[in-house]
Amino acid sequence: MLYSKGKELALVEMPIAGLMSDERAEIVAAKAEQLTAAMRKVGCSLNNAYMQHSLLALVVIPELRISDVGLVDVTTFQKVDLFI
């Protein structure tokens, strides 16, 4: 989802484990394009920014990733302290 100034600009629902949609592919594709267009509208120039942001939290990509439990070293699957 993308909000700007308190207003929802675009939304792609992923109700199945937060990873998949139960809608038809063409509907999801149209919503994804709306999300990409909305990101461009607010000034994002990254190529496919939604996918890039989604991958930040994917805990199977080495080395450190942000997850729902905090910072994780995915080579050891251990939480990492934020402060040493």
N, C-alpha and C. Protein backbone atom coordinates (compact mmCIF):
# COMPACT_ATOMS: atom_id res chain seq x y z
N MET A 1 0.83 -1.16 0.00
CA MET A 1 0.00 0.00 0.00
C MET A 1 0.88 1.23 0.00
N LEU A 2 0.37 2.29 -0.52
CA LEU A 2 1.09 3.54 -0.57
C LEU A 2 0.16 4.66 -0.13
N TYR A 3 0.63 5.40 0.87
CA TYR A 3 -0.11 6.55 1.37
C TYR A 3 0.71 7.80 1.14
N SER A 4 0.05 8.89 0.89
CA SER A 4 0.69 10.19 0.80
C SER A 4 -0.24 11.22 1.42
N LYS A 5 0.28 11.97 2.37
CA LYS A 5 -0.50 13.01 3.06
C LYS A 5 -1.78 12.44 3.64
N GLY A 6 -1.69 11.22 4.20
CA GLY A 6 -2.83 10.59 4.86
C GLY A 6 -3.85 9.97 3.93
N LYS A 7 -3.57 9.96 2.63
CA LYS A 7 -4.53 9.41 1.67
C LYS A 7 -3.93 8.17 1.01
N GLU A 8 -4.72 7.10 0.93
CA GLU A 8 -4.27 5.89 0.24
C GLU A 8 -4.25 6.14 -1.26
N LEU A 9 -3.08 5.94 -1.86
CA LEU A 9 -2.94 6.13 -3.30
C LEU A 9 -3.05 4.81 -4.07
N ALA A 10 -2.59 3.73 -3.48
CA ALA A 10 -2.62 2.43 -4.16
C ALA A 10 -2.51 1.32 -3.13
N LEU A 11 -3.06 0.17 -3.49
CA LEU A 11 -3.05 -0.98 -2.58
C LEU A 11 -3.06 -2.27 -3.39
N VAL A 12 -2.17 -3.18 -3.03
CA VAL A 12 -2.17 -4.54 -3.59
C VAL A 12 -2.32 -5.47 -2.39
N GLU A 13 -3.49 -6.07 -2.24
CA GLU A 13 -3.75 -6.95 -1.10
C GLU A 13 -3.05 -8.29 -1.30
N MET A 14 -2.43 -8.79 -0.25
CA MET A 14 -1.78 -10.10 -0.26
C MET A 14 -2.26 -10.89 0.96
N PRO A 15 -3.51 -11.38 0.92
CA PRO A 15 -4.10 -12.01 2.10
C PRO A 15 -3.56 -13.41 2.42
N ILE A 16 -2.89 -14.05 1.49
CA ILE A 16 -2.39 -15.40 1.75
C ILE A 16 -0.95 -15.30 2.23
N ALA A 17 -0.79 -15.39 3.56
CA ALA A 17 0.51 -15.33 4.22
C ALA A 17 1.26 -14.03 3.94
N GLY A 18 0.56 -13.02 3.50
CA GLY A 18 1.20 -11.76 3.18
C GLY A 18 2.07 -11.82 1.95
N LEU A 19 1.96 -12.92 1.18
CA LEU A 19 2.83 -13.13 0.02
C LEU A 19 2.07 -13.30 -1.29
N MET A 20 0.81 -13.74 -1.20
CA MET A 20 0.05 -14.06 -2.40
C MET A 20 -1.35 -13.48 -2.33
N SER A 21 -1.90 -13.28 -3.51
CA SER A 21 -3.27 -12.78 -3.61
C SER A 21 -4.19 -13.93 -4.01
N ASP A 22 -5.45 -13.78 -3.66
CA ASP A 22 -6.44 -14.76 -4.09
C ASP A 22 -7.27 -14.22 -5.27
N GLU A 23 -6.81 -13.09 -5.83
CA GLU A 23 -7.49 -12.51 -6.99
C GLU A 23 -6.86 -13.01 -8.28
N ARG A 24 -7.56 -12.81 -9.38
CA ARG A 24 -7.05 -13.21 -10.70
C ARG A 24 -5.79 -12.42 -11.03
N ALA A 25 -4.89 -13.03 -11.78
CA ALA A 25 -3.60 -12.44 -12.09
C ALA A 25 -3.74 -11.07 -12.75
N GLU A 26 -4.70 -10.91 -13.66
CA GLU A 26 -4.83 -9.63 -14.34
C GLU A 26 -5.28 -8.51 -13.39
N ILE A 27 -6.03 -8.87 -12.37
CA ILE A 27 -6.44 -7.87 -11.37
C ILE A 27 -5.24 -7.45 -10.53
N VAL A 28 -4.46 -8.43 -10.09
CA VAL A 28 -3.27 -8.13 -9.29
C VAL A 28 -2.28 -7.32 -10.11
N ALA A 29 -2.11 -7.67 -11.37
CA ALA A 29 -1.19 -6.93 -12.25
C ALA A 29 -1.63 -5.48 -12.40
N ALA A 30 -2.91 -5.25 -12.54
CA ALA A 30 -3.42 -3.88 -12.68
C ALA A 30 -3.19 -3.09 -11.39
N LYS A 31 -3.42 -3.71 -10.25
CA LYS A 31 -3.18 -3.05 -8.97
C LYS A 31 -1.69 -2.77 -8.77
N ALA A 32 -0.84 -3.70 -9.19
CA ALA A 32 0.60 -3.50 -9.08
C ALA A 32 1.05 -2.33 -9.95
N GLU A 33 0.47 -2.20 -11.13
CA GLU A 33 0.80 -1.07 -12.00
C GLU A 33 0.32 0.24 -11.38
N GLN A 34 -0.84 0.23 -10.74
CA GLN A 34 -1.33 1.42 -10.06
C GLN A 34 -0.37 1.81 -8.93
N LEU A 35 0.16 0.81 -8.23
CA LEU A 35 1.10 1.07 -7.15
C LEU A 35 2.40 1.67 -7.70
N THR A 36 2.90 1.12 -8.78
CA THR A 36 4.12 1.64 -9.41
C THR A 36 3.90 3.08 -9.89
N ALA A 37 2.76 3.33 -10.50
CA ALA A 37 2.45 4.68 -10.97
C ALA A 37 2.33 5.66 -9.81
N ALA A 38 1.72 5.22 -8.71
CA ALA A 38 1.59 6.08 -7.54
C ALA A 38 2.95 6.40 -6.93
N MET A 39 3.84 5.41 -6.92
CA MET A 39 5.19 5.65 -6.40
C MET A 39 5.92 6.69 -7.26
N ARG A 40 5.76 6.57 -8.57
CA ARG A 40 6.37 7.57 -9.46
C ARG A 40 5.78 8.95 -9.20
N LYS A 41 4.48 8.99 -8.98
CA LYS A 41 3.78 10.26 -8.77
C LYS A 41 4.31 11.00 -7.53
N VAL A 42 4.69 10.25 -6.50
CA VAL A 42 5.20 10.90 -5.28
C VAL A 42 6.71 11.09 -5.31
N GLY A 43 7.34 10.77 -6.46
CA GLY A 43 8.76 11.09 -6.63
C GLY A 43 9.74 9.94 -6.56
N CYS A 44 9.25 8.71 -6.45
CA CYS A 44 10.16 7.56 -6.40
C CYS A 44 10.63 7.23 -7.81
N SER A 45 11.94 7.20 -7.99
CA SER A 45 12.49 6.91 -9.32
C SER A 45 13.12 5.53 -9.42
N LEU A 46 12.99 4.71 -8.36
CA LEU A 46 13.54 3.35 -8.40
C LEU A 46 12.76 2.48 -9.39
N ASN A 47 13.46 1.58 -10.04
CA ASN A 47 12.82 0.61 -10.92
C ASN A 47 12.16 -0.46 -10.07
N ASN A 48 10.85 -0.59 -10.17
CA ASN A 48 10.08 -1.57 -9.41
C ASN A 48 10.35 -1.46 -7.91
N ALA A 49 10.14 -0.30 -7.36
CA ALA A 49 10.42 -0.03 -5.95
C ALA A 49 9.67 -0.96 -5.01
N TYR A 50 8.46 -1.35 -5.37
CA TYR A 50 7.69 -2.24 -4.49
C TYR A 50 8.45 -3.55 -4.26
N MET A 51 8.99 -4.12 -5.32
CA MET A 51 9.73 -5.38 -5.18
C MET A 51 11.01 -5.16 -4.38
N GLN A 52 11.70 -4.06 -4.62
CA GLN A 52 12.92 -3.79 -3.86
C GLN A 52 12.63 -3.66 -2.38
N HIS A 53 11.55 -2.99 -2.02
CA HIS A 53 11.19 -2.86 -0.61
C HIS A 53 10.75 -4.20 -0.02
N SER A 54 10.06 -4.99 -0.79
CA SER A 54 9.61 -6.29 -0.30
C SER A 54 10.79 -7.20 0.02
N LEU A 55 11.82 -7.13 -0.80
CA LEU A 55 12.98 -8.00 -0.59
C LEU A 55 13.82 -7.61 0.62
N LEU A 56 13.70 -6.37 1.09
CA LEU A 56 14.47 -5.95 2.25
C LEU A 56 14.21 -6.83 3.46
N ALA A 57 12.98 -7.26 3.63
CA ALA A 57 12.60 -8.04 4.80
C ALA A 57 12.66 -9.55 4.56
N LEU A 58 12.99 -9.97 3.38
CA LEU A 58 13.03 -11.40 3.08
C LEU A 58 14.22 -12.03 3.79
N VAL A 59 13.95 -12.87 4.79
CA VAL A 59 15.00 -13.35 5.68
C VAL A 59 15.84 -14.50 5.11
N VAL A 60 15.64 -14.87 3.87
CA VAL A 60 16.47 -15.93 3.30
C VAL A 60 17.59 -15.38 2.40
N ILE A 61 17.67 -14.06 2.25
CA ILE A 61 18.71 -13.46 1.44
C ILE A 61 19.83 -12.99 2.37
N PRO A 62 21.07 -13.50 2.17
CA PRO A 62 22.18 -13.15 3.07
C PRO A 62 22.49 -11.67 3.04
N GLU A 63 23.01 -11.17 4.00
CA GLU A 63 23.50 -11.57 5.29
C GLU A 63 22.55 -11.12 6.40
N LEU A 64 22.39 -9.82 6.54
CA LEU A 64 21.49 -9.30 7.57
C LEU A 64 20.19 -8.82 6.93
N ARG A 65 19.09 -9.15 7.60
CA ARG A 65 17.79 -8.71 7.12
C ARG A 65 16.93 -8.24 8.29
N ILE A 66 16.06 -7.31 7.99
CA ILE A 66 15.09 -6.84 8.97
C ILE A 66 13.87 -7.74 8.86
N SER A 67 13.41 -8.26 9.98
CA SER A 67 12.24 -9.13 9.96
C SER A 67 11.26 -8.68 11.03
N ASP A 68 10.17 -9.43 11.18
CA ASP A 68 9.18 -9.11 12.20
C ASP A 68 9.70 -9.33 13.61
N VAL A 69 10.83 -10.03 13.76
CA VAL A 69 11.42 -10.25 15.08
C VAL A 69 12.66 -9.39 15.31
N GLY A 70 13.00 -8.56 14.37
CA GLY A 70 14.16 -7.68 14.50
C GLY A 70 15.19 -7.96 13.44
N LEU A 71 16.44 -7.56 13.71
CA LEU A 71 17.54 -7.77 12.78
C LEU A 71 18.02 -9.21 12.90
N VAL A 72 18.12 -9.91 11.76
CA VAL A 72 18.47 -11.33 11.76
C VAL A 72 19.68 -11.57 10.87
N ASP A 73 20.66 -12.33 11.40
CA ASP A 73 21.78 -12.82 10.60
C ASP A 73 21.27 -14.10 9.94
N VAL A 74 21.01 -14.04 8.64
CA VAL A 74 20.40 -15.18 7.99
C VAL A 74 21.38 -16.30 7.66
N THR A 75 22.65 -16.09 7.91
CA THR A 75 23.60 -17.20 7.75
C THR A 75 23.57 -18.11 8.96
N THR A 76 23.19 -17.55 10.15
CA THR A 76 23.11 -18.35 11.37
C THR A 76 21.69 -18.44 11.91
N PHE A 77 20.76 -17.67 11.31
CA PHE A 77 19.37 -17.58 11.76
C PHE A 77 19.29 -17.18 13.24
N GLN A 78 20.12 -16.22 13.61
CA GLN A 78 20.14 -15.69 14.96
C GLN A 78 19.79 -14.22 14.92
N LYS A 79 19.06 -13.75 15.95
CA LYS A 79 18.80 -12.32 16.06
C LYS A 79 20.10 -11.61 16.37
N VAL A 80 20.25 -10.42 15.84
CA VAL A 80 21.45 -9.62 16.04
C VAL A 80 21.07 -8.40 16.87
N ASP A 81 21.89 -8.14 17.90
CA ASP A 81 21.67 -6.94 18.71
C ASP A 81 21.89 -5.70 17.87
N LEU A 82 21.05 -4.72 18.08
CA LEU A 82 21.21 -3.46 17.35
C LEU A 82 22.36 -2.63 17.89
N PHE A 83 22.66 -2.82 19.17
CA PHE A 83 23.73 -2.06 19.82
C PHE A 83 24.75 -3.03 20.40
N ILE A 84 26.01 -2.72 20.20
CA ILE A 84 27.08 -3.59 20.71
C ILE A 84 27.55 -3.10 22.05
